[in-house]
PDB file of N, CA and C in Angstrom:
ATOM      1  N   MET A   1     -43.850  33.660  48.348  1.00  0.00           N
ATOM      2  CA  MET A   1     -45.076  33.255  47.696  1.00  0.00           C
ATOM      3  C   MET A   1     -44.956  33.362  46.170  1.00  0.00           C
ATOM      4  N   THR A   2     -44.360  34.443  45.695  1.00  0.00           N
ATOM      5  CA  THR A   2     -44.223  34.611  44.253  1.00  0.00           C
ATOM      6  C   THR A   2     -43.267  33.574  43.666  1.00  0.00           C
ATOM      7  N   GLU A   3     -42.325  33.116  44.476  1.00  0.00           N
ATOM      8  CA  GLU A   3     -41.415  32.069  44.015  1.00  0.00           C
ATOM      9  C   GLU A   3     -42.179  30.768  43.773  1.00  0.00           C
ATOM     10  N   LEU A   4     -43.131  30.493  44.630  1.00  0.00           N
ATOM     11  CA  LEU A   4     -43.957  29.294  44.475  1.00  0.00           C
ATOM     12  C   LEU A   4     -44.806  29.383  43.215  1.00  0.00           C
ATOM     13  N   VAL A   5     -45.345  30.533  42.942  1.00  0.00           N
ATOM     14  CA  VAL A   5     -46.181  30.733  41.759  1.00  0.00           C
ATOM     15  C   VAL A   5     -45.356  30.552  40.486  1.00  0.00           C
ATOM     16  N   SER A   6     -44.097  30.907  40.520  1.00  0.00           N
ATOM     17  CA  SER A   6     -43.259  30.770  39.325  1.00  0.00           C
ATOM     18  C   SER A   6     -42.973  29.306  38.982  1.00  0.00           C
ATOM     19  N   PHE A   7     -43.127  28.405  39.933  1.00  0.00           N
ATOM     20  CA  PHE A   7     -42.922  26.980  39.689  1.00  0.00           C
ATOM     21  C   PHE A   7     -44.189  26.274  39.182  1.00  0.00           C
ATOM     22  N   LEU A   8     -45.331  26.925  39.270  1.00  0.00           N
ATOM     23  CA  LEU A   8     -46.583  26.304  38.843  1.00  0.00           C
ATOM     24  C   LEU A   8     -46.565  25.871  37.372  1.00  0.00           C
ATOM     25  N   PRO A   9     -46.037  26.675  36.445  1.00  0.00           N
ATOM     26  CA  PRO A   9     -45.989  26.188  35.062  1.00  0.00           C
ATOM     27  C   PRO A   9     -45.153  24.905  34.908  1.00  0.00           C
ATOM     28  N   LEU A  10     -44.051  24.809  35.632  1.00  0.00           N
ATOM     29  CA  LEU A  10     -43.234  23.591  35.576  1.00  0.00           C
ATOM     30  C   LEU A  10     -43.992  22.389  36.124  1.00  0.00           C
ATOM     31  N   VAL A  11     -44.699  22.598  37.205  1.00  0.00           N
ATOM     32  CA  VAL A  11     -45.495  21.523  37.798  1.00  0.00           C
ATOM     33  C   VAL A  11     -46.600  21.107  36.835  1.00  0.00           C
ATOM     34  N   ALA A  12     -47.240  22.073  36.205  1.00  0.00           N
ATOM     35  CA  ALA A  12     -48.308  21.784  35.248  1.00  0.00           C
ATOM     36  C   ALA A  12     -47.766  21.007  34.047  1.00  0.00           C
ATOM     37  N   ILE A  13     -46.601  21.385  33.554  1.00  0.00           N
ATOM     38  CA  ILE A  13     -45.995  20.678  32.423  1.00  0.00           C
ATOM     39  C   ILE A  13     -45.641  19.247  32.823  1.00  0.00           C
ATOM     40  N   ALA A  14     -45.089  19.056  34.003  1.00  0.00           N
ATOM     41  CA  ALA A  14     -44.745  17.712  34.478  1.00  0.00           C
ATOM     42  C   ALA A  14     -45.997  16.853  34.625  1.00  0.00           C
ATOM     43  N   LEU A  15     -47.063  17.430  35.163  1.00  0.00           N
ATOM     44  CA  LEU A  15     -48.320  16.701  35.320  1.00  0.00           C
ATOM     45  C   LEU A  15     -48.907  16.338  33.954  1.00  0.00           C
ATOM     46  N   LEU A  16     -48.891  17.262  33.026  1.00  0.00           N
ATOM     47  CA  LEU A  16     -49.396  17.010  31.687  1.00  0.00           C
ATOM     48  C   LEU A  16     -48.582  15.912  30.993  1.00  0.00           C
ATOM     49  N   PHE A  17     -47.263  15.951  31.141  1.00  0.00           N
ATOM     50  CA  PHE A  17     -46.394  14.921  30.566  1.00  0.00           C
ATOM     51  C   PHE A  17     -46.749  13.557  31.141  1.00  0.00           C
ATOM     52  N   TRP A  18     -46.952  13.497  32.446  1.00  0.00           N
ATOM     53  CA  TRP A  18     -47.297  12.233  33.083  1.00  0.00           C
ATOM     54  C   TRP A  18     -48.637  11.716  32.563  1.00  0.00           C
ATOM     55  N   LEU A  19     -49.641  12.603  32.454  1.00  0.00           N
ATOM     56  CA  LEU A  19     -50.966  12.188  31.992  1.00  0.00           C
ATOM     57  C   LEU A  19     -50.972  11.772  30.528  1.00  0.00           C
ATOM     58  N   MET A  20     -50.170  12.433  29.696  1.00  0.00           N
ATOM     59  CA  MET A  20     -50.219  12.197  28.260  1.00  0.00           C
ATOM     60  C   MET A  20     -49.238  11.111  27.788  1.00  0.00           C
ATOM     61  N   VAL A  21     -48.142  10.881  28.514  1.00  0.00           N
ATOM     62  CA  VAL A  21     -47.109   9.965  28.029  1.00  0.00           C
ATOM     63  C   VAL A  21     -46.896   8.776  28.968  1.00  0.00           C
ATOM     64  N   VAL A  22     -46.558   9.032  30.190  1.00  0.00           N
ATOM     65  CA  VAL A  22     -46.158   7.963  31.116  1.00  0.00           C
ATOM     66  C   VAL A  22     -47.318   7.033  31.464  1.00  0.00           C
ATOM     67  N   ARG A  23     -48.449   7.574  31.799  1.00  0.00           N
ATOM     68  CA  ARG A  23     -49.582   6.760  32.222  1.00  0.00           C
ATOM     69  C   ARG A  23     -50.090   5.847  31.102  1.00  0.00           C
ATOM     70  N   PRO A  24     -50.326   6.353  29.885  1.00  0.00           N
ATOM     71  CA  PRO A  24     -50.769   5.444  28.812  1.00  0.00           C
ATOM     72  C   PRO A  24     -49.729   4.382  28.460  1.00  0.00           C
ATOM     73  N   ALA A  25     -48.455   4.736  28.478  1.00  0.00           N
ATOM     74  CA  ALA A  25     -47.408   3.753  28.173  1.00  0.00           C
ATOM     75  C   ALA A  25     -47.390   2.655  29.225  1.00  0.00           C
ATOM     76  N   SER A  26     -47.585   3.011  30.463  1.00  0.00           N
ATOM     77  CA  SER A  26     -47.623   2.025  31.544  1.00  0.00           C
ATOM     78  C   SER A  26     -48.816   1.082  31.370  1.00  0.00           C
ATOM     79  N   ARG A  27     -49.955   1.637  30.994  1.00  0.00           N
ATOM     80  CA  ARG A  27     -51.140   0.803  30.763  1.00  0.00           C
ATOM     81  C   ARG A  27     -50.909  -0.177  29.625  1.00  0.00           C
ATOM     82  N   ARG A  28     -50.335   0.306  28.507  1.00  0.00           N
ATOM     83  CA  ARG A  28     -50.060  -0.572  27.368  1.00  0.00           C
ATOM     84  C   ARG A  28     -49.095  -1.679  27.756  1.00  0.00           C
ATOM     85  N   GLN A  29     -48.079  -1.341  28.540  1.00  0.00           N
ATOM     86  CA  GLN A  29     -47.096  -2.336  28.972  1.00  0.00           C
ATOM     87  C   GLN A  29     -47.750  -3.413  29.831  1.00  0.00           C
ATOM     88  N   LYS A  30     -48.631  -3.018  30.739  1.00  0.00           N
ATOM     89  CA  LYS A  30     -49.321  -3.983  31.591  1.00  0.00           C
ATOM     90  C   LYS A  30     -50.256  -4.864  30.771  1.00  0.00           C
ATOM     91  N   GLN A  31     -50.954  -4.270  29.801  1.00  0.00           N
ATOM     92  CA  GLN A  31     -51.864  -5.033  28.962  1.00  0.00           C
ATOM     93  C   GLN A  31     -51.095  -6.043  28.109  1.00  0.00           C
ATOM     94  N   LEU A  32     -49.975  -5.629  27.549  1.00  0.00           N
ATOM     95  CA  LEU A  32     -49.167  -6.540  26.731  1.00  0.00           C
ATOM     96  C   LEU A  32     -48.616  -7.687  27.582  1.00  0.00           C
ATOM     97  N   ALA A  33     -48.170  -7.400  28.791  1.00  0.00           N
ATOM     98  CA  ALA A  33     -47.669  -8.454  29.679  1.00  0.00           C
ATOM     99  C   ALA A  33     -48.784  -9.447  30.014  1.00  0.00           C
ATOM    100  N   ARG A  34     -50.005  -8.947  30.200  1.00  0.00           N
ATOM    101  CA  ARG A  34     -51.141  -9.830  30.487  1.00  0.00           C
ATOM    102  C   ARG A  34     -51.439 -10.713  29.278  1.00  0.00           C
ATOM    103  N   ILE A  35     -51.435 -10.126  28.090  1.00  0.00           N
ATOM    104  CA  ILE A  35     -51.688 -10.894  26.869  1.00  0.00           C
ATOM    105  C   ILE A  35     -50.633 -11.980  26.698  1.00  0.00           C
ATOM    106  N   GLN A  36     -49.376 -11.636  26.913  1.00  0.00           N
ATOM    107  CA  GLN A  36     -48.286 -12.596  26.748  1.00  0.00           C
ATOM    108  C   GLN A  36     -48.376 -13.730  27.762  1.00  0.00           C
ATOM    109  N   SER A  37     -48.824 -13.432  28.969  1.00  0.00           N
ATOM    110  CA  SER A  37     -48.899 -14.476  29.997  1.00  0.00           C
ATOM    111  C   SER A  37     -50.101 -15.398  29.800  1.00  0.00           C
ATOM    112  N   GLU A  38     -51.135 -14.922  29.078  1.00  0.00           N
ATOM    113  CA  GLU A  38     -52.352 -15.713  28.901  1.00  0.00           C
ATOM    114  C   GLU A  38     -52.437 -16.427  27.553  1.00  0.00           C
ATOM    115  N   VAL A  39     -51.363 -16.386  26.752  1.00  0.00           N
ATOM    116  CA  VAL A  39     -51.407 -16.999  25.426  1.00  0.00           C
ATOM    117  C   VAL A  39     -51.607 -18.509  25.552  1.00  0.00           C
ATOM    118  N   GLN A  40     -52.462 -19.064  24.655  1.00  0.00           N
ATOM    119  CA  GLN A  40     -52.819 -20.479  24.700  1.00  0.00           C
ATOM    120  C   GLN A  40     -52.598 -21.119  23.326  1.00  0.00           C
ATOM    121  N   PRO A  41     -52.325 -22.424  23.292  1.00  0.00           N
ATOM    122  CA  PRO A  41     -52.209 -23.111  22.002  1.00  0.00           C
ATOM    123  C   PRO A  41     -53.479 -22.938  21.170  1.00  0.00           C
ATOM    124  N   GLY A  42     -53.287 -22.778  19.871  1.00  0.00           N
ATOM    125  CA  GLY A  42     -54.407 -22.598  18.963  1.00  0.00           C
ATOM    126  C   GLY A  42     -54.700 -21.143  18.628  1.00  0.00           C
ATOM    127  N   GLN A  43     -54.178 -20.207  19.400  1.00  0.00           N
ATOM    128  CA  GLN A  43     -54.424 -18.791  19.137  1.00  0.00           C
ATOM    129  C   GLN A  43     -53.555 -18.288  18.001  1.00  0.00           C
ATOM    130  N   ARG A  44     -54.096 -17.384  17.202  1.00  0.00           N
ATOM    131  CA  ARG A  44     -53.324 -16.708  16.158  1.00  0.00           C
ATOM    132  C   ARG A  44     -52.650 -15.509  16.805  1.00  0.00           C
ATOM    133  N   VAL A  45     -51.357 -15.374  16.574  1.00  0.00           N
ATOM    134  CA  VAL A  45     -50.605 -14.276  17.174  1.00  0.00           C
ATOM    135  C   VAL A  45     -49.785 -13.561  16.109  1.00  0.00           C
ATOM    136  N   MET A  46     -49.417 -12.330  16.429  1.00  0.00           N
ATOM    137  CA  MET A  46     -48.454 -11.612  15.610  1.00  0.00           C
ATOM    138  C   MET A  46     -47.234 -11.387  16.484  1.00  0.00           C
ATOM    139  N   LEU A  47     -46.085 -11.805  16.007  1.00  0.00           N
ATOM    140  CA  LEU A  47     -44.845 -11.591  16.741  1.00  0.00           C
ATOM    141  C   LEU A  47     -44.405 -10.138  16.564  1.00  0.00           C
ATOM    142  N   THR A  48     -43.535  -9.671  17.437  1.00  0.00           N
ATOM    143  CA  THR A  48     -43.075  -8.286  17.353  1.00  0.00           C
ATOM    144  C   THR A  48     -42.321  -8.019  16.060  1.00  0.00           C
ATOM    145  N   SER A  49     -41.876  -9.066  15.375  1.00  0.00           N
ATOM    146  CA  SER A  49     -41.197  -8.904  14.088  1.00  0.00           C
ATOM    147  C   SER A  49     -42.188  -8.752  12.940  1.00  0.00           C
ATOM    148  N   GLY A  50     -43.491  -8.902  13.231  1.00  0.00           N
ATOM    149  CA  GLY A  50     -44.510  -8.764  12.206  1.00  0.00           C
ATOM    150  C   GLY A  50     -44.929 -10.074  11.584  1.00  0.00           C
ATOM    151  N   ILE A  51     -44.403 -11.180  12.064  1.00  0.00           N
ATOM    152  CA  ILE A  51     -44.745 -12.499  11.532  1.00  0.00           C
ATOM    153  C   ILE A  51     -46.004 -13.013  12.220  1.00  0.00           C
ATOM    154  N   PHE A  52     -46.961 -13.501  11.420  1.00  0.00           N
ATOM    155  CA  PHE A  52     -48.177 -14.082  11.961  1.00  0.00           C
ATOM    156  C   PHE A  52     -48.014 -15.589  12.049  1.00  0.00           C
ATOM    157  N   GLY A  53     -48.650 -16.184  13.049  1.00  0.00           N
ATOM    158  CA  GLY A  53     -48.602 -17.631  13.192  1.00  0.00           C
ATOM    159  C   GLY A  53     -49.618 -18.116  14.205  1.00  0.00           C
ATOM    160  N   THR A  54     -49.630 -19.428  14.391  1.00  0.00           N
ATOM    161  CA  THR A  54     -50.543 -20.061  15.329  1.00  0.00           C
ATOM    162  C   THR A  54     -49.731 -20.708  16.439  1.00  0.00           C
ATOM    163  N   VAL A  55     -50.109 -20.441  17.675  1.00  0.00           N
ATOM    164  CA  VAL A  55     -49.403 -21.023  18.821  1.00  0.00           C
ATOM    165  C   VAL A  55     -49.670 -22.519  18.849  1.00  0.00           C
ATOM    166  N   ARG A  56     -48.608 -23.309  18.917  1.00  0.00           N
ATOM    167  CA  ARG A  56     -48.730 -24.768  18.974  1.00  0.00           C
ATOM    168  C   ARG A  56     -48.492 -25.300  20.379  1.00  0.00           C
ATOM    169  N   SER A  57     -47.548 -24.695  21.123  1.00  0.00           N
ATOM    170  CA  SER A  57     -47.315 -25.136  22.499  1.00  0.00           C
ATOM    171  C   SER A  57     -46.725 -23.987  23.306  1.00  0.00           C
ATOM    172  N   VAL A  58     -46.954 -24.061  24.613  1.00  0.00           N
ATOM    173  CA  VAL A  58     -46.450 -23.042  25.535  1.00  0.00           C
ATOM    174  C   VAL A  58     -45.758 -23.759  26.679  1.00  0.00           C
ATOM    175  N   THR A  59     -44.488 -23.412  26.919  1.00  0.00           N
ATOM    176  CA  THR A  59     -43.753 -23.971  28.051  1.00  0.00           C
ATOM    177  C   THR A  59     -42.993 -22.846  28.730  1.00  0.00           C
ATOM    178  N   ASP A  60     -43.260 -22.644  29.995  1.00  0.00           N
ATOM    179  CA  ASP A  60     -42.594 -21.627  30.806  1.00  0.00           C
ATOM    180  C   ASP A  60     -42.505 -20.288  30.076  1.00  0.00           C
ATOM    181  N   ASP A  61     -41.304 -19.910  29.645  1.00  0.00           N
ATOM    182  CA  ASP A  61     -41.121 -18.603  29.015  1.00  0.00           C
ATOM    183  C   ASP A  61     -40.997 -18.698  27.499  1.00  0.00           C
ATOM    184  N   ARG A  62     -41.268 -19.884  26.927  1.00  0.00           N
ATOM    185  CA  ARG A  62     -41.125 -20.071  25.482  1.00  0.00           C
ATOM    186  C   ARG A  62     -42.437 -20.514  24.850  1.00  0.00           C
ATOM    187  N   VAL A  63     -42.590 -20.122  23.590  1.00  0.00           N
ATOM    188  CA  VAL A  63     -43.797 -20.443  22.838  1.00  0.00           C
ATOM    189  C   VAL A  63     -43.370 -20.966  21.471  1.00  0.00           C
ATOM    190  N   ARG A  64     -43.976 -22.088  21.036  1.00  0.00           N
ATOM    191  CA  ARG A  64     -43.721 -22.600  19.679  1.00  0.00           C
ATOM    192  C   ARG A  64     -44.861 -22.099  18.807  1.00  0.00           C
ATOM    193  N   VAL A  65     -44.470 -21.406  17.721  1.00  0.00           N
ATOM    194  CA  VAL A  65     -45.437 -20.801  16.818  1.00  0.00           C
ATOM    195  C   VAL A  65     -45.256 -21.392  15.428  1.00  0.00           C
ATOM    196  N   GLU A  66     -46.350 -21.880  14.848  1.00  0.00           N
ATOM    197  CA  GLU A  66     -46.310 -22.393  13.480  1.00  0.00           C
ATOM    198  C   GLU A  66     -46.568 -21.216  12.542  1.00  0.00           C
ATOM    199  N   ILE A  67     -45.557 -20.897  11.715  1.00  0.00           N
ATOM    200  CA  ILE A  67     -45.670 -19.747  10.826  1.00  0.00           C
ATOM    201  C   ILE A  67     -46.039 -20.150   9.408  1.00  0.00           C
ATOM    202  N   ALA A  68     -45.906 -21.421   9.083  1.00  0.00           N
ATOM    203  CA  ALA A  68     -46.336 -21.991   7.806  1.00  0.00           C
ATOM    204  C   ALA A  68     -46.576 -23.472   8.068  1.00  0.00           C
ATOM    205  N   THR A  69     -47.249 -24.128   7.177  1.00  0.00           N
ATOM    206  CA  THR A  69     -47.542 -25.547   7.365  1.00  0.00           C
ATOM    207  C   THR A  69     -46.242 -26.322   7.562  1.00  0.00           C
ATOM    208  N   GLY A  70     -46.110 -26.914   8.755  1.00  0.00           N
ATOM    209  CA  GLY A  70     -44.928 -27.713   9.068  1.00  0.00           C
ATOM    210  C   GLY A  70     -43.706 -26.913   9.491  1.00  0.00           C
ATOM    211  N   VAL A  71     -43.820 -25.590   9.583  1.00  0.00           N
ATOM    212  CA  VAL A  71     -42.683 -24.749   9.971  1.00  0.00           C
ATOM    213  C   VAL A  71     -42.994 -24.096  11.312  1.00  0.00           C
ATOM    214  N   GLU A  72     -42.255 -24.492  12.342  1.00  0.00           N
ATOM    215  CA  GLU A  72     -42.454 -23.930  13.678  1.00  0.00           C
ATOM    216  C   GLU A  72     -41.198 -23.213  14.132  1.00  0.00           C
ATOM    217  N   VAL A  73     -41.401 -22.117  14.845  1.00  0.00           N
ATOM    218  CA  VAL A  73     -40.289 -21.401  15.458  1.00  0.00           C
ATOM    219  C   VAL A  73     -40.563 -21.329  16.951  1.00  0.00           C
ATOM    220  N   GLU A  74     -39.490 -21.331  17.713  1.00  0.00           N
ATOM    221  CA  GLU A  74     -39.616 -21.206  19.162  1.00  0.00           C
ATOM    222  C   GLU A  74     -39.169 -19.803  19.540  1.00  0.00           C
ATOM    223  N   VAL A  75     -40.032 -19.073  20.239  1.00  0.00           N
ATOM    224  CA  VAL A  75     -39.745 -17.700  20.636  1.00  0.00           C
ATOM    225  C   VAL A  75     -40.032 -17.533  22.120  1.00  0.00           C
ATOM    226  N   VAL A  76     -39.477 -16.493  22.692  1.00  0.00           N
ATOM    227  CA  VAL A  76     -39.790 -16.173  24.082  1.00  0.00           C
ATOM    228  C   VAL A  76     -41.120 -15.419  24.116  1.00  0.00           C
ATOM    229  N   ARG A  77     -41.827 -15.499  25.233  1.00  0.00           N
ATOM    230  CA  ARG A  77     -43.134 -14.851  25.349  1.00  0.00           C
ATOM    231  C   ARG A  77     -43.120 -13.365  24.983  1.00  0.00           C
ATOM    232  N   PRO A  78     -42.094 -12.597  25.392  1.00  0.00           N
ATOM    233  CA  PRO A  78     -42.113 -11.174  25.030  1.00  0.00           C
ATOM    234  C   PRO A  78     -42.065 -10.908  23.522  1.00  0.00           C
ATOM    235  N   ALA A  79     -41.797 -11.925  22.710  1.00  0.00           N
ATOM    236  CA  ALA A  79     -41.796 -11.743  21.256  1.00  0.00           C
ATOM    237  C   ALA A  79     -43.214 -11.688  20.697  1.00  0.00           C
ATOM    238  N   ILE A  80     -44.211 -11.994  21.515  1.00  0.00           N
ATOM    239  CA  ILE A  80     -45.599 -11.931  21.065  1.00  0.00           C
ATOM    240  C   ILE A  80     -46.065 -10.489  21.185  1.00  0.00           C
ATOM    241  N   GLY A  81     -46.408  -9.908  20.040  1.00  0.00           N
ATOM    242  CA  GLY A  81     -46.824  -8.508  20.008  1.00  0.00           C
ATOM    243  C   GLY A  81     -48.310  -8.327  20.205  1.00  0.00           C
ATOM    244  N   SER A  82     -49.106  -9.257  19.665  1.00  0.00           N
ATOM    245  CA  SER A  82     -50.553  -9.175  19.833  1.00  0.00           C
ATOM    246  C   SER A  82     -51.171 -10.539  19.560  1.00  0.00           C
ATOM    247  N   VAL A  83     -52.385 -10.705  20.038  1.00  0.00           N
ATOM    248  CA  VAL A  83     -53.149 -11.925  19.823  1.00  0.00           C
ATOM    249  C   VAL A  83     -54.405 -11.528  19.067  1.00  0.00           C
ATOM    250  N   GLU A  84     -54.675 -12.237  17.964  1.00  0.00           N
ATOM    251  CA  GLU A  84     -55.879 -11.945  17.194  1.00  0.00           C
ATOM    252  C   GLU A  84     -57.098 -12.420  17.960  1.00  0.00           C
ATOM    253  N   PRO A  85     -58.185 -11.664  17.879  1.00  0.00           N
ATOM    254  CA  PRO A  85     -59.415 -12.100  18.554  1.00  0.00           C
ATOM    255  C   PRO A  85     -59.899 -13.424  17.990  1.00  0.00           C
ATOM    256  N   ALA A  86     -60.579 -14.197  18.819  1.00  0.00           N
ATOM    257  CA  ALA A  86     -61.107 -15.491  18.380  1.00  0.00           C
ATOM    258  C   ALA A  86     -62.055 -15.277  17.213  1.00  0.00           C
ATOM    259  N   GLY A  87     -61.935 -16.141  16.200  1.00  0.00           N
ATOM    260  CA  GLY A  87     -62.794 -16.035  15.029  1.00  0.00           C
ATOM    261  C   GLY A  87     -62.370 -14.947  14.070  1.00  0.00           C
ATOM    262  N   GLY A  88     -61.151 -14.412  14.250  1.00  0.00           N
ATOM    263  CA  GLY A  88     -60.654 -13.358  13.374  1.00  0.00           C
ATOM    264  C   GLY A  88     -60.334 -13.890  11.993  1.00  0.00           C
ATOM    265  N   ASP A  89     -60.364 -13.002  11.020  1.00  0.00           N
ATOM    266  CA  ASP A  89     -60.030 -13.384   9.653  1.00  0.00           C
ATOM    267  C   ASP A  89     -58.536 -13.605   9.520  1.00  0.00           C
ATOM    268  N   GLU A  90     -58.159 -14.322   8.493  1.00  0.00           N
ATOM    269  CA  GLU A  90     -56.750 -14.511   8.178  1.00  0.00           C
ATOM    270  C   GLU A  90     -56.142 -13.173   7.811  1.00  0.00           C
ATOM    271  N   PRO A  91     -54.860 -12.952   8.100  1.00  0.00           N
ATOM    272  CA  PRO A  91     -54.231 -11.701   7.696  1.00  0.00           C
ATOM    273  C   PRO A  91     -54.329 -11.522   6.186  1.00  0.00           C
ATOM    274  N   GLY A  92     -54.621 -10.304   5.772  1.00  0.00           N
ATOM    275  CA  GLY A  92     -54.708 -10.010   4.358  1.00  0.00           C
ATOM    276  C   GLY A  92     -56.058 -10.310   3.740  1.00  0.00           C
ATOM    277  N   THR A  93     -57.047 -10.699   4.561  1.00  0.00           N
ATOM    278  CA  THR A  93     -58.362 -10.983   4.005  1.00  0.00           C
ATOM    279  C   THR A  93     -59.359  -9.881   4.336  1.00  0.00           C
ATOM    280  N   ALA A  94     -58.861  -8.745   4.753  1.00  0.00           N
ATOM    281  CA  ALA A  94     -59.736  -7.612   4.987  1.00  0.00           C
ATOM    282  C   ALA A  94     -60.330  -7.177   3.666  1.00  0.00           C
ATOM    283  N   PRO A  95     -61.499  -6.560   3.697  1.00  0.00           N
ATOM    284  CA  PRO A  95     -62.112  -6.120   2.441  1.00  0.00           C
ATOM    285  C   PRO A  95     -61.133  -5.274   1.621  1.00  0.00           C
ATOM    286  N   GLY A  96     -61.049  -5.588   0.340  1.00  0.00           N
ATOM    287  CA  GLY A  96     -60.191  -4.822  -0.540  1.00  0.00           C
ATOM    288  C   GLY A  96     -58.781  -5.369  -0.668  1.00  0.00           C
ATOM    289  N   THR A  97     -58.421  -6.394   0.128  1.00  0.00           N
ATOM    290  CA  THR A  97     -57.066  -6.933   0.050  1.00  0.00           C
ATOM    291  C   THR A  97     -57.008  -8.268  -0.672  1.00  0.00           C
ATOM    292  N   HIS A  98     -58.162  -8.819  -1.003  1.00  0.00           N
ATOM    293  CA  HIS A  98     -58.201 -10.116  -1.689  1.00  0.00           C
ATOM    294  C   HIS A  98     -57.977  -9.910  -3.178  1.00  0.00           C
ATOM    295  N   THR A  99     -57.087 -10.715  -3.729  1.00  0.00           N
ATOM    296  CA  THR A  99     -56.826 -10.622  -5.157  1.00  0.00           C
ATOM    297  C   THR A  99     -57.233 -11.920  -5.822  1.00  0.00           C
ATOM    298  N   GLU A 100     -57.917 -11.818  -6.937  1.00  0.00           N
ATOM    299  CA  GLU A 100     -58.300 -12.995  -7.701  1.00  0.00           C
ATOM    300  C   GLU A 100     -57.125 -13.485  -8.498  1.00  0.00           C
ATOM    301  N   GLY A 101     -56.901 -14.784  -8.564  1.00  0.00           N
ATOM    302  CA  GLY A 101     -55.746 -15.308  -9.267  1.00  0.00           C
ATOM    303  C   GLY A 101     -56.096 -15.929 -10.493  1.00  0.00           C
TER     304      GLY A 101
END
């Protein structure tokens, strides 16, 4: 019985690790996969490299993203890091980031 009690701290640490690290990471991974699978033309996205652009076309596992006027790159779906909410501001237009020229 005392041997079983000595393992309780290890079990508690493993459970805490699972609750604090593994479970949230799994949720984020599932959410990102859902976002990547639901991407549609016209959406503003940020690629995992930090480049912002607008989705122009989606075919199977590839997405064409316009990163500047007339400049399109073709990337795989997992390269999409996030999708901006509809009606979102342009990057860099948050209060305090606009500079007068």
